[in-house]
Amino acid sequence: MPSTPSTANLLRDLRRREGRSLRSAAADIGVAPSQLSRLERGQRGMGPEISDKLASYYGVPADVISIARGEVPADVVEIILSNPEAITELRRRYGPASSASGE
């Protein structure tokens, strides 16, 4: 299954932030450059092993990539189900409108 546009954009942005070429990042991660390219273009999905390798390489929590893939960690789901008001609070504090208002 292909990855979502947000996953593809995240991966490309993380690599560019590190100033790495596609080939050098792929070699460091242990995947073929063509595989990383397809991930960054949203043409290929990834399993947990690749997801974990990418998170480790780019220095981000594995949950960041999982969430970009549309997978919400089970503990986060439980928190939200137990505290539905948290969704509104998160949007208020961290959503696009909050940065525009200077919060």
PDB file of N, CA and C in Angstrom:
ATOM      1  N   MET A   1       0.851  -1.168   0.000  1.00  0.00           N
ATOM      2  CA  MET A   1       0.000   0.000   0.000  1.00  0.00           C
ATOM      3  C   MET A   1       0.901   1.236   0.000  1.00  0.00           C
ATOM      4  N   PRO A   2       0.596   2.226  -0.825  1.00  0.00           N
ATOM      5  CA  PRO A   2       1.395   3.451  -0.860  1.00  0.00           C
ATOM      6  C   PRO A   2       1.289   4.217   0.452  1.00  0.00           C
ATOM      7  N   SER A   3       2.296   5.040   0.694  1.00  0.00           N
ATOM      8  CA  SER A   3       2.245   5.874   1.896  1.00  0.00           C
ATOM      9  C   SER A   3       1.377   7.092   1.638  1.00  0.00           C
ATOM     10  N   THR A   4       0.992   7.756   2.703  1.00  0.00           N
ATOM     11  CA  THR A   4       0.153   8.943   2.568  1.00  0.00           C
ATOM     12  C   THR A   4       1.019  10.130   2.164  1.00  0.00           C
ATOM     13  N   PRO A   5       0.398  11.162   1.579  1.00  0.00           N
ATOM     14  CA  PRO A   5       1.176  12.356   1.219  1.00  0.00           C
ATOM     15  C   PRO A   5       1.898  12.962   2.418  1.00  0.00           C
ATOM     16  N   SER A   6       1.266  12.925   3.589  1.00  0.00           N
ATOM     17  CA  SER A   6       1.931  13.513   4.756  1.00  0.00           C
ATOM     18  C   SER A   6       3.169  12.711   5.153  1.00  0.00           C
ATOM     19  N   THR A   7       3.126  11.392   4.991  1.00  0.00           N
ATOM     20  CA  THR A   7       4.301  10.574   5.281  1.00  0.00           C
ATOM     21  C   THR A   7       5.407  10.884   4.295  1.00  0.00           C
ATOM     22  N   ALA A   8       5.059  10.937   3.025  1.00  0.00           N
ATOM     23  CA  ALA A   8       6.042  11.220   1.979  1.00  0.00           C
ATOM     24  C   ALA A   8       6.692  12.579   2.218  1.00  0.00           C
ATOM     25  N   ASN A   9       5.877  13.589   2.486  1.00  0.00           N
ATOM     26  CA  ASN A   9       6.412  14.934   2.732  1.00  0.00           C
ATOM     27  C   ASN A   9       7.291  14.967   3.973  1.00  0.00           C
ATOM     28  N   LEU A  10       6.861  14.284   5.023  1.00  0.00           N
ATOM     29  CA  LEU A  10       7.644  14.244   6.253  1.00  0.00           C
ATOM     30  C   LEU A  10       9.021  13.648   5.990  1.00  0.00           C
ATOM     31  N   LEU A  11       9.061  12.513   5.305  1.00  0.00           N
ATOM     32  CA  LEU A  11      10.340  11.848   5.050  1.00  0.00           C
ATOM     33  C   LEU A  11      11.268  12.727   4.225  1.00  0.00           C
ATOM     34  N   ARG A  12      10.744  13.329   3.196  1.00  0.00           N
ATOM     35  CA  ARG A  12      11.553  14.210   2.344  1.00  0.00           C
ATOM     36  C   ARG A  12      12.056  15.412   3.157  1.00  0.00           C
ATOM     37  N   ASP A  13      11.165  16.004   3.951  1.00  0.00           N
ATOM     38  CA  ASP A  13      11.557  17.164   4.763  1.00  0.00           C
ATOM     39  C   ASP A  13      12.624  16.795   5.795  1.00  0.00           C
ATOM     40  N   LEU A  14      12.487  15.633   6.421  1.00  0.00           N
ATOM     41  CA  LEU A  14      13.483  15.198   7.398  1.00  0.00           C
ATOM     42  C   LEU A  14      14.846  15.019   6.740  1.00  0.00           C
ATOM     43  N   ARG A  15      14.869  14.396   5.572  1.00  0.00           N
ATOM     44  CA  ARG A  15      16.147  14.179   4.871  1.00  0.00           C
ATOM     45  C   ARG A  15      16.771  15.509   4.475  1.00  0.00           C
ATOM     46  N   ARG A  16      15.967  16.391   3.937  1.00  0.00           N
ATOM     47  CA  ARG A  16      16.485  17.698   3.514  1.00  0.00           C
ATOM     48  C   ARG A  16      16.966  18.513   4.715  1.00  0.00           C
ATOM     49  N   ARG A  17      16.259  18.403   5.828  1.00  0.00           N
ATOM     50  CA  ARG A  17      16.671  19.110   7.046  1.00  0.00           C
ATOM     51  C   ARG A  17      18.068  18.678   7.479  1.00  0.00           C
ATOM     52  N   GLU A  18      18.357  17.397   7.270  1.00  0.00           N
ATOM     53  CA  GLU A  18      19.670  16.859   7.619  1.00  0.00           C
ATOM     54  C   GLU A  18      20.724  17.192   6.565  1.00  0.00           C
ATOM     55  N   GLY A  19      20.284  17.737   5.423  1.00  0.00           N
ATOM     56  CA  GLY A  19      21.220  18.080   4.355  1.00  0.00           C
ATOM     57  C   GLY A  19      21.811  16.865   3.665  1.00  0.00           C
ATOM     58  N   ARG A  20      21.053  15.792   3.617  1.00  0.00           N
ATOM     59  CA  ARG A  20      21.547  14.535   3.042  1.00  0.00           C
ATOM     60  C   ARG A  20      20.980  14.312   1.661  1.00  0.00           C
ATOM     61  N   SER A  21      21.788  13.722   0.807  1.00  0.00           N
ATOM     62  CA  SER A  21      21.293  13.328  -0.509  1.00  0.00           C
ATOM     63  C   SER A  21      20.477  12.052  -0.352  1.00  0.00           C
ATOM     64  N   LEU A  22      19.665  11.780  -1.343  1.00  0.00           N
ATOM     65  CA  LEU A  22      18.853  10.562  -1.324  1.00  0.00           C
ATOM     66  C   LEU A  22      19.754   9.337  -1.231  1.00  0.00           C
ATOM     67  N   ARG A  23      20.804   9.306  -2.033  1.00  0.00           N
ATOM     68  CA  ARG A  23      21.709   8.147  -2.048  1.00  0.00           C
ATOM     69  C   ARG A  23      22.425   7.948  -0.708  1.00  0.00           C
ATOM     70  N   SER A  24      22.927   9.022  -0.124  1.00  0.00           N
ATOM     71  CA  SER A  24      23.661   8.850   1.137  1.00  0.00           C
ATOM     72  C   SER A  24      22.719   8.453   2.275  1.00  0.00           C
ATOM     73  N   ALA A  25      21.532   9.039   2.311  1.00  0.00           N
ATOM     74  CA  ALA A  25      20.568   8.663   3.346  1.00  0.00           C
ATOM     75  C   ALA A  25      20.162   7.201   3.188  1.00  0.00           C
ATOM     76  N   ALA A  26      19.881   6.789   1.962  1.00  0.00           N
ATOM     77  CA  ALA A  26      19.480   5.399   1.720  1.00  0.00           C
ATOM     78  C   ALA A  26      20.577   4.436   2.163  1.00  0.00           C
ATOM     79  N   ALA A  27      21.828   4.761   1.833  1.00  0.00           N
ATOM     80  CA  ALA A  27      22.942   3.894   2.230  1.00  0.00           C
ATOM     81  C   ALA A  27      23.044   3.806   3.751  1.00  0.00           C
ATOM     82  N   ASP A  28      22.907   4.934   4.426  1.00  0.00           N
ATOM     83  CA  ASP A  28      22.989   4.939   5.890  1.00  0.00           C
ATOM     84  C   ASP A  28      21.845   4.163   6.536  1.00  0.00           C
ATOM     85  N   ILE A  29      20.662   4.254   5.936  1.00  0.00           N
ATOM     86  CA  ILE A  29      19.475   3.587   6.480  1.00  0.00           C
ATOM     87  C   ILE A  29      19.490   2.096   6.166  1.00  0.00           C
ATOM     88  N   GLY A  30      20.143   1.735   5.062  1.00  0.00           N
ATOM     89  CA  GLY A  30      20.215   0.334   4.659  1.00  0.00           C
ATOM     90  C   GLY A  30      19.126  -0.075   3.692  1.00  0.00           C
ATOM     91  N   VAL A  31      18.683   0.884   2.873  1.00  0.00           N
ATOM     92  CA  VAL A  31      17.690   0.593   1.837  1.00  0.00           C
ATOM     93  C   VAL A  31      18.235   1.080   0.498  1.00  0.00           C
ATOM     94  N   ALA A  32      17.650   0.591  -0.573  1.00  0.00           N
ATOM     95  CA  ALA A  32      18.048   1.042  -1.904  1.00  0.00           C
ATOM     96  C   ALA A  32      17.576   2.481  -2.114  1.00  0.00           C
ATOM     97  N   PRO A  33      18.352   3.285  -2.835  1.00  0.00           N
ATOM     98  CA  PRO A  33      17.906   4.653  -3.127  1.00  0.00           C
ATOM     99  C   PRO A  33      16.534   4.693  -3.793  1.00  0.00           C
ATOM    100  N   SER A  34      16.266   3.717  -4.657  1.00  0.00           N
ATOM    101  CA  SER A  34      14.959   3.692  -5.328  1.00  0.00           C
ATOM    102  C   SER A  34      13.833   3.473  -4.322  1.00  0.00           C
ATOM    103  N   GLN A  35      14.084   2.676  -3.288  1.00  0.00           N
ATOM    104  CA  GLN A  35      13.063   2.443  -2.260  1.00  0.00           C
ATOM    105  C   GLN A  35      12.799   3.719  -1.470  1.00  0.00           C
ATOM    106  N   LEU A  36      13.852   4.413  -1.065  1.00  0.00           N
ATOM    107  CA  LEU A  36      13.666   5.660  -0.323  1.00  0.00           C
ATOM    108  C   LEU A  36      12.974   6.698  -1.199  1.00  0.00           C
ATOM    109  N   SER A  37      13.338   6.743  -2.464  1.00  0.00           N
ATOM    110  CA  SER A  37      12.694   7.677  -3.391  1.00  0.00           C
ATOM    111  C   SER A  37      11.200   7.404  -3.489  1.00  0.00           C
ATOM    112  N   ARG A  38      10.827   6.128  -3.613  1.00  0.00           N
ATOM    113  CA  ARG A  38       9.398   5.786  -3.698  1.00  0.00           C
ATOM    114  C   ARG A  38       8.665   6.129  -2.399  1.00  0.00           C
ATOM    115  N   LEU A  39       9.321   5.939  -1.259  1.00  0.00           N
ATOM    116  CA  LEU A  39       8.712   6.325   0.020  1.00  0.00           C
ATOM    117  C   LEU A  39       8.480   7.832   0.067  1.00  0.00           C
ATOM    118  N   GLU A  40       9.469   8.592  -0.387  1.00  0.00           N
ATOM    119  CA  GLU A  40       9.372  10.054  -0.350  1.00  0.00           C
ATOM    120  C   GLU A  40       8.377  10.612  -1.367  1.00  0.00           C
ATOM    121  N   ARG A  41       8.031   9.811  -2.354  1.00  0.00           N
ATOM    122  CA  ARG A  41       7.030  10.249  -3.339  1.00  0.00           C
ATOM    123  C   ARG A  41       5.657   9.660  -3.046  1.00  0.00           C
ATOM    124  N   GLY A  42       5.545   8.901  -1.979  1.00  0.00           N
ATOM    125  CA  GLY A  42       4.262   8.319  -1.608  1.00  0.00           C
ATOM    126  C   GLY A  42       3.852   7.155  -2.478  1.00  0.00           C
ATOM    127  N   GLN A  43       4.812   6.540  -3.157  1.00  0.00           N
ATOM    128  CA  GLN A  43       4.504   5.434  -4.061  1.00  0.00           C
ATOM    129  C   GLN A  43       4.723   4.071  -3.425  1.00  0.00           C
ATOM    130  N   ARG A  44       5.179   4.068  -2.207  1.00  0.00           N
ATOM    131  CA  ARG A  44       5.434   2.801  -1.517  1.00  0.00           C
ATOM    132  C   ARG A  44       5.116   2.970  -0.043  1.00  0.00           C
ATOM    133  N   GLY A  45       4.487   1.961   0.507  1.00  0.00           N
ATOM    134  CA  GLY A  45       4.234   1.957   1.940  1.00  0.00           C
ATOM    135  C   GLY A  45       5.437   1.394   2.677  1.00  0.00           C
ATOM    136  N   MET A  46       5.367   1.408   3.995  1.00  0.00           N
ATOM    137  CA  MET A  46       6.475   0.861   4.773  1.00  0.00           C
ATOM    138  C   MET A  46       5.944   0.091   5.962  1.00  0.00           C
ATOM    139  N   GLY A  47       6.687  -0.914   6.324  1.00  0.00           N
ATOM    140  CA  GLY A  47       6.356  -1.685   7.509  1.00  0.00           C
ATOM    141  C   GLY A  47       7.020  -1.086   8.731  1.00  0.00           C
ATOM    142  N   PRO A  48       6.758  -1.675   9.878  1.00  0.00           N
ATOM    143  CA  PRO A  48       7.310  -1.151  11.131  1.00  0.00           C
ATOM    144  C   PRO A  48       8.843  -1.131  11.160  1.00  0.00           C
ATOM    145  N   GLU A  49       9.484  -2.116  10.536  1.00  0.00           N
ATOM    146  CA  GLU A  49      10.953  -2.173  10.572  1.00  0.00           C
ATOM    147  C   GLU A  49      11.567  -0.961   9.871  1.00  0.00           C
ATOM    148  N   ILE A  50      11.088  -0.654   8.669  1.00  0.00           N
ATOM    149  CA  ILE A  50      11.598   0.506   7.932  1.00  0.00           C
ATOM    150  C   ILE A  50      11.221   1.787   8.668  1.00  0.00           C
ATOM    151  N   SER A  51      10.012   1.838   9.173  1.00  0.00           N
ATOM    152  CA  SER A  51       9.561   3.011   9.919  1.00  0.00           C
ATOM    153  C   SER A  51      10.481   3.277  11.107  1.00  0.00           C
ATOM    154  N   ASP A  52      10.840   2.235  11.843  1.00  0.00           N
ATOM    155  CA  ASP A  52      11.734   2.379  12.993  1.00  0.00           C
ATOM    156  C   ASP A  52      13.135   2.815  12.570  1.00  0.00           C
ATOM    157  N   LYS A  53      13.636   2.258  11.453  1.00  0.00           N
ATOM    158  CA  LYS A  53      14.955   2.655  10.946  1.00  0.00           C
ATOM    159  C   LYS A  53      14.972   4.134  10.573  1.00  0.00           C
ATOM    160  N   LEU A  54      13.908   4.576   9.903  1.00  0.00           N
ATOM    161  CA  LEU A  54      13.826   5.978   9.491  1.00  0.00           C
ATOM    162  C   LEU A  54      13.772   6.898  10.705  1.00  0.00           C
ATOM    163  N   ALA A  55      12.962   6.536  11.686  1.00  0.00           N
ATOM    164  CA  ALA A  55      12.850   7.353  12.898  1.00  0.00           C
ATOM    165  C   ALA A  55      14.201   7.456  13.601  1.00  0.00           C
ATOM    166  N   SER A  56      14.883   6.346  13.719  1.00  0.00           N
ATOM    167  CA  SER A  56      16.187   6.336  14.373  1.00  0.00           C
ATOM    168  C   SER A  56      17.190   7.183  13.596  1.00  0.00           C
ATOM    169  N   TYR A  57      17.234   7.018  12.295  1.00  0.00           N
ATOM    170  CA  TYR A  57      18.184   7.748  11.454  1.00  0.00           C
ATOM    171  C   TYR A  57      17.953   9.254  11.524  1.00  0.00           C
ATOM    172  N   TYR A  58      16.690   9.664  11.462  1.00  0.00           N
ATOM    173  CA  TYR A  58      16.380  11.092  11.453  1.00  0.00           C
ATOM    174  C   TYR A  58      16.260  11.687  12.857  1.00  0.00           C
ATOM    175  N   GLY A  59      16.366  10.847  13.879  1.00  0.00           N
ATOM    176  CA  GLY A  59      16.345  11.346  15.245  1.00  0.00           C
ATOM    177  C   GLY A  59      14.995  11.865  15.701  1.00  0.00           C
ATOM    178  N   VAL A  60      13.938  11.200  15.251  1.00  0.00           N
ATOM    179  CA  VAL A  60      12.590  11.583  15.673  1.00  0.00           C
ATOM    180  C   VAL A  60      11.943  10.388  16.369  1.00  0.00           C
ATOM    181  N   PRO A  61      11.002  10.633  17.274  1.00  0.00           N
ATOM    182  CA  PRO A  61      10.299   9.507  17.897  1.00  0.00           C
ATOM    183  C   PRO A  61       9.576   8.670  16.837  1.00  0.00           C
ATOM    184  N   ALA A  62       9.577   7.364  17.013  1.00  0.00           N
ATOM    185  CA  ALA A  62       8.896   6.473  16.068  1.00  0.00           C
ATOM    186  C   ALA A  62       7.426   6.847  15.916  1.00  0.00           C
ATOM    187  N   ASP A  63       6.819   7.374  16.984  1.00  0.00           N
ATOM    188  CA  ASP A  63       5.409   7.772  16.917  1.00  0.00           C
ATOM    189  C   ASP A  63       5.163   8.863  15.881  1.00  0.00           C
ATOM    190  N   VAL A  64       6.151   9.718  15.630  1.00  0.00           N
ATOM    191  CA  VAL A  64       5.980  10.789  14.641  1.00  0.00           C
ATOM    192  C   VAL A  64       5.726  10.191  13.263  1.00  0.00           C
ATOM    193  N   ILE A  65       6.509   9.191  12.901  1.00  0.00           N
ATOM    194  CA  ILE A  65       6.326   8.558  11.594  1.00  0.00           C
ATOM    195  C   ILE A  65       5.051   7.728  11.594  1.00  0.00           C
ATOM    196  N   SER A  66       4.762   7.039  12.682  1.00  0.00           N
ATOM    197  CA  SER A  66       3.523   6.255  12.758  1.00  0.00           C
ATOM    198  C   SER A  66       2.297   7.135  12.583  1.00  0.00           C
ATOM    199  N   ILE A  67       2.287   8.281  13.241  1.00  0.00           N
ATOM    200  CA  ILE A  67       1.144   9.186  13.129  1.00  0.00           C
ATOM    201  C   ILE A  67       1.036   9.731  11.713  1.00  0.00           C
ATOM    202  N   ALA A  68       2.167  10.054  11.096  1.00  0.00           N
ATOM    203  CA  ALA A  68       2.132  10.515   9.701  1.00  0.00           C
ATOM    204  C   ALA A  68       1.578   9.429   8.788  1.00  0.00           C
ATOM    205  N   ARG A  69       1.794   8.165   9.165  1.00  0.00           N
ATOM    206  CA  ARG A  69       1.264   7.041   8.390  1.00  0.00           C
ATOM    207  C   ARG A  69      -0.214   6.807   8.668  1.00  0.00           C
ATOM    208  N   GLY A  70      -0.774   7.550   9.608  1.00  0.00           N
ATOM    209  CA  GLY A  70      -2.181   7.388   9.943  1.00  0.00           C
ATOM    210  C   GLY A  70      -2.426   6.408  11.067  1.00  0.00           C
ATOM    211  N   GLU A  71      -1.360   6.015  11.751  1.00  0.00           N
ATOM    212  CA  GLU A  71      -1.465   5.068  12.857  1.00  0.00           C
ATOM    213  C   GLU A  71      -1.303   5.820  14.173  1.00  0.00           C
ATOM    214  N   VAL A  72      -2.340   5.826  14.970  1.00  0.00           N
ATOM    215  CA  VAL A  72      -2.277   6.497  16.269  1.00  0.00           C
ATOM    216  C   VAL A  72      -1.917   5.444  17.319  1.00  0.00           C
ATOM    217  N   PRO A  73      -0.883   5.703  18.121  1.00  0.00           N
ATOM    218  CA  PRO A  73      -0.501   4.734  19.149  1.00  0.00           C
ATOM    219  C   PRO A  73      -1.673   4.418  20.079  1.00  0.00           C
ATOM    220  N   ALA A  74      -1.750   3.161  20.493  1.00  0.00           N
ATOM    221  CA  ALA A  74      -2.873   2.690  21.310  1.00  0.00           C
ATOM    222  C   ALA A  74      -3.037   3.492  22.594  1.00  0.00           C
ATOM    223  N   ASP A  75      -1.925   3.866  23.222  1.00  0.00           N
ATOM    224  CA  ASP A  75      -2.054   4.623  24.471  1.00  0.00           C
ATOM    225  C   ASP A  75      -2.639   6.010  24.224  1.00  0.00           C
ATOM    226  N   VAL A  76      -2.339   6.602  23.075  1.00  0.00           N
ATOM    227  CA  VAL A  76      -2.902   7.915  22.737  1.00  0.00           C
ATOM    228  C   VAL A  76      -4.398   7.785  22.480  1.00  0.00           C
ATOM    229  N   VAL A  77      -4.797   6.714  21.810  1.00  0.00           N
ATOM    230  CA  VAL A  77      -6.225   6.470  21.575  1.00  0.00           C
ATOM    231  C   VAL A  77      -6.952   6.357  22.908  1.00  0.00           C
ATOM    232  N   GLU A  78      -6.381   5.609  23.846  1.00  0.00           N
ATOM    233  CA  GLU A  78      -6.997   5.454  25.170  1.00  0.00           C
ATOM    234  C   GLU A  78      -7.125   6.795  25.887  1.00  0.00           C
ATOM    235  N   ILE A  79      -6.083   7.607  25.810  1.00  0.00           N
ATOM    236  CA  ILE A  79      -6.123   8.929  26.460  1.00  0.00           C
ATOM    237  C   ILE A  79      -7.237   9.778  25.866  1.00  0.00           C
ATOM    238  N   ILE A  80      -7.333   9.780  24.551  1.00  0.00           N
ATOM    239  CA  ILE A  80      -8.355  10.589  23.878  1.00  0.00           C
ATOM    240  C   ILE A  80      -9.753  10.069  24.186  1.00  0.00           C
ATOM    241  N   LEU A  81      -9.919   8.757  24.187  1.00  0.00           N
ATOM    242  CA  LEU A  81     -11.231   8.194  24.501  1.00  0.00           C
ATOM    243  C   LEU A  81     -11.642   8.506  25.938  1.00  0.00           C
ATOM    244  N   SER A  82     -10.672   8.519  26.833  1.00  0.00           N
ATOM    245  CA  SER A  82     -10.968   8.825  28.236  1.00  0.00           C
ATOM    246  C   SER A  82     -11.132  10.320  28.489  1.00  0.00           C
ATOM    247  N   ASN A  83     -10.567  11.135  27.600  1.00  0.00           N
ATOM    248  CA  ASN A  83     -10.582  12.597  27.770  1.00  0.00           C
ATOM    249  C   ASN A  83     -10.884  13.277  26.438  1.00  0.00           C
ATOM    250  N   PRO A  84     -12.100  13.133  25.911  1.00  0.00           N
ATOM    251  CA  PRO A  84     -12.392  13.692  24.589  1.00  0.00           C
ATOM    252  C   PRO A  84     -12.188  15.202  24.501  1.00  0.00           C
ATOM    253  N   GLU A  85     -12.265  15.884  25.623  1.00  0.00           N
ATOM    254  CA  GLU A  85     -12.037  17.337  25.614  1.00  0.00           C
ATOM    255  C   GLU A  85     -10.588  17.675  25.262  1.00  0.00           C
ATOM    256  N   ALA A  86      -9.707  16.701  25.376  1.00  0.00           N
ATOM    257  CA  ALA A  86      -8.299  16.931  25.051  1.00  0.00           C
ATOM    258  C   ALA A  86      -8.115  17.298  23.578  1.00  0.00           C
ATOM    259  N   ILE A  87      -8.965  16.776  22.714  1.00  0.00           N
ATOM    260  CA  ILE A  87      -8.866  17.086  21.285  1.00  0.00           C
ATOM    261  C   ILE A  87      -9.060  18.577  21.062  1.00  0.00           C
ATOM    262  N   THR A  88     -10.090  19.131  21.664  1.00  0.00           N
ATOM    263  CA  THR A  88     -10.361  20.564  21.524  1.00  0.00           C
ATOM    264  C   THR A  88      -9.204  21.380  22.083  1.00  0.00           C
ATOM    265  N   GLU A  89      -8.697  20.982  23.225  1.00  0.00           N
ATOM    266  CA  GLU A  89      -7.585  21.706  23.847  1.00  0.00           C
ATOM    267  C   GLU A  89      -6.326  21.640  22.978  1.00  0.00           C
ATOM    268  N   LEU A  90      -6.029  20.480  22.426  1.00  0.00           N
ATOM    269  CA  LEU A  90      -4.863  20.361  21.543  1.00  0.00           C
ATOM    270  C   LEU A  90      -4.997  21.252  20.320  1.00  0.00           C
ATOM    271  N   ARG A  91      -6.168  21.254  19.717  1.00  0.00           N
ATOM    272  CA  ARG A  91      -6.388  22.116  18.552  1.00  0.00           C
ATOM    273  C   ARG A  91      -6.254  23.586  18.929  1.00  0.00           C
ATOM    274  N   ARG A  92      -6.804  23.941  20.078  1.00  0.00           N
ATOM    275  CA  ARG A  92      -6.737  25.336  20.509  1.00  0.00           C
ATOM    276  C   ARG A  92      -5.292  25.763  20.750  1.00  0.00           C
ATOM    277  N   ARG A  93      -4.548  24.920  21.417  1.00  0.00           N
ATOM    278  CA  ARG A  93      -3.177  25.292  21.793  1.00  0.00           C
ATOM    279  C   ARG A  93      -2.168  25.151  20.673  1.00  0.00           C
ATOM    280  N   TYR A  94      -2.335  24.131  19.813  1.00  0.00           N
ATOM    281  CA  TYR A  94      -1.280  23.822  18.855  1.00  0.00           C
ATOM    282  C   TYR A  94      -1.706  23.864  17.394  1.00  0.00           C
ATOM    283  N   GLY A  95      -2.984  24.093  17.139  1.00  0.00           N
ATOM    284  CA  GLY A  95      -3.471  24.126  15.767  1.00  0.00           C
ATOM    285  C   GLY A  95      -2.996  25.362  15.020  1.00  0.00           C
ATOM    286  N   PRO A  96      -3.221  25.395  13.720  1.00  0.00           N
ATOM    287  CA  PRO A  96      -2.772  26.519  12.892  1.00  0.00           C
ATOM    288  C   PRO A  96      -3.280  27.874  13.380  1.00  0.00           C
ATOM    289  N   ALA A  97      -4.494  27.926  13.898  1.00  0.00           N
ATOM    290  CA  ALA A  97      -5.047  29.205  14.349  1.00  0.00           C
ATOM    291  C   ALA A  97      -4.296  29.739  15.561  1.00  0.00           C
ATOM    292  N   SER A  98      -3.751  28.850  16.407  1.00  0.00           N
ATOM    293  CA  SER A  98      -3.055  29.315  17.608  1.00  0.00           C
ATOM    294  C   SER A  98      -1.766  30.040  17.258  1.00  0.00           C
ATOM    295  N   SER A  99      -1.047  29.577  16.237  1.00  0.00           N
ATOM    296  CA  SER A  99       0.195  30.256  15.865  1.00  0.00           C
ATOM    297  C   SER A  99      -0.090  31.598  15.211  1.00  0.00           C
ATOM    298  N   ALA A 100      -1.213  31.707  14.525  1.00  0.00           N
ATOM    299  CA  ALA A 100      -1.581  32.974  13.893  1.00  0.00           C
ATOM    300  C   ALA A 100      -1.983  34.010  14.933  1.00  0.00           C
ATOM    301  N   SER A 101      -2.516  33.530  16.057  1.00  0.00           N
ATOM    302  CA  SER A 101      -2.966  34.466  17.090  1.00  0.00           C
ATOM    303  C   SER A 101      -1.860  34.813  18.082  1.00  0.00           C
ATOM    304  N   GLY A 102      -0.689  34.166  17.901  1.00  0.00           N
ATOM    305  CA  GLY A 102       0.444  34.485  18.762  1.00  0.00           C
ATOM    306  C   GLY A 102       0.482  33.740  20.069  1.00  0.00           C
ATOM    307  N   GLU A 103      -0.322  32.697  20.245  1.00  0.00           N
ATOM    308  CA  GLU A 103      -0.300  31.903  21.489  1.00  0.00           C
ATOM    309  C   GLU A 103       0.924  31.037  21.529  1.00  0.00           C
TER     310      GLU A 103
END
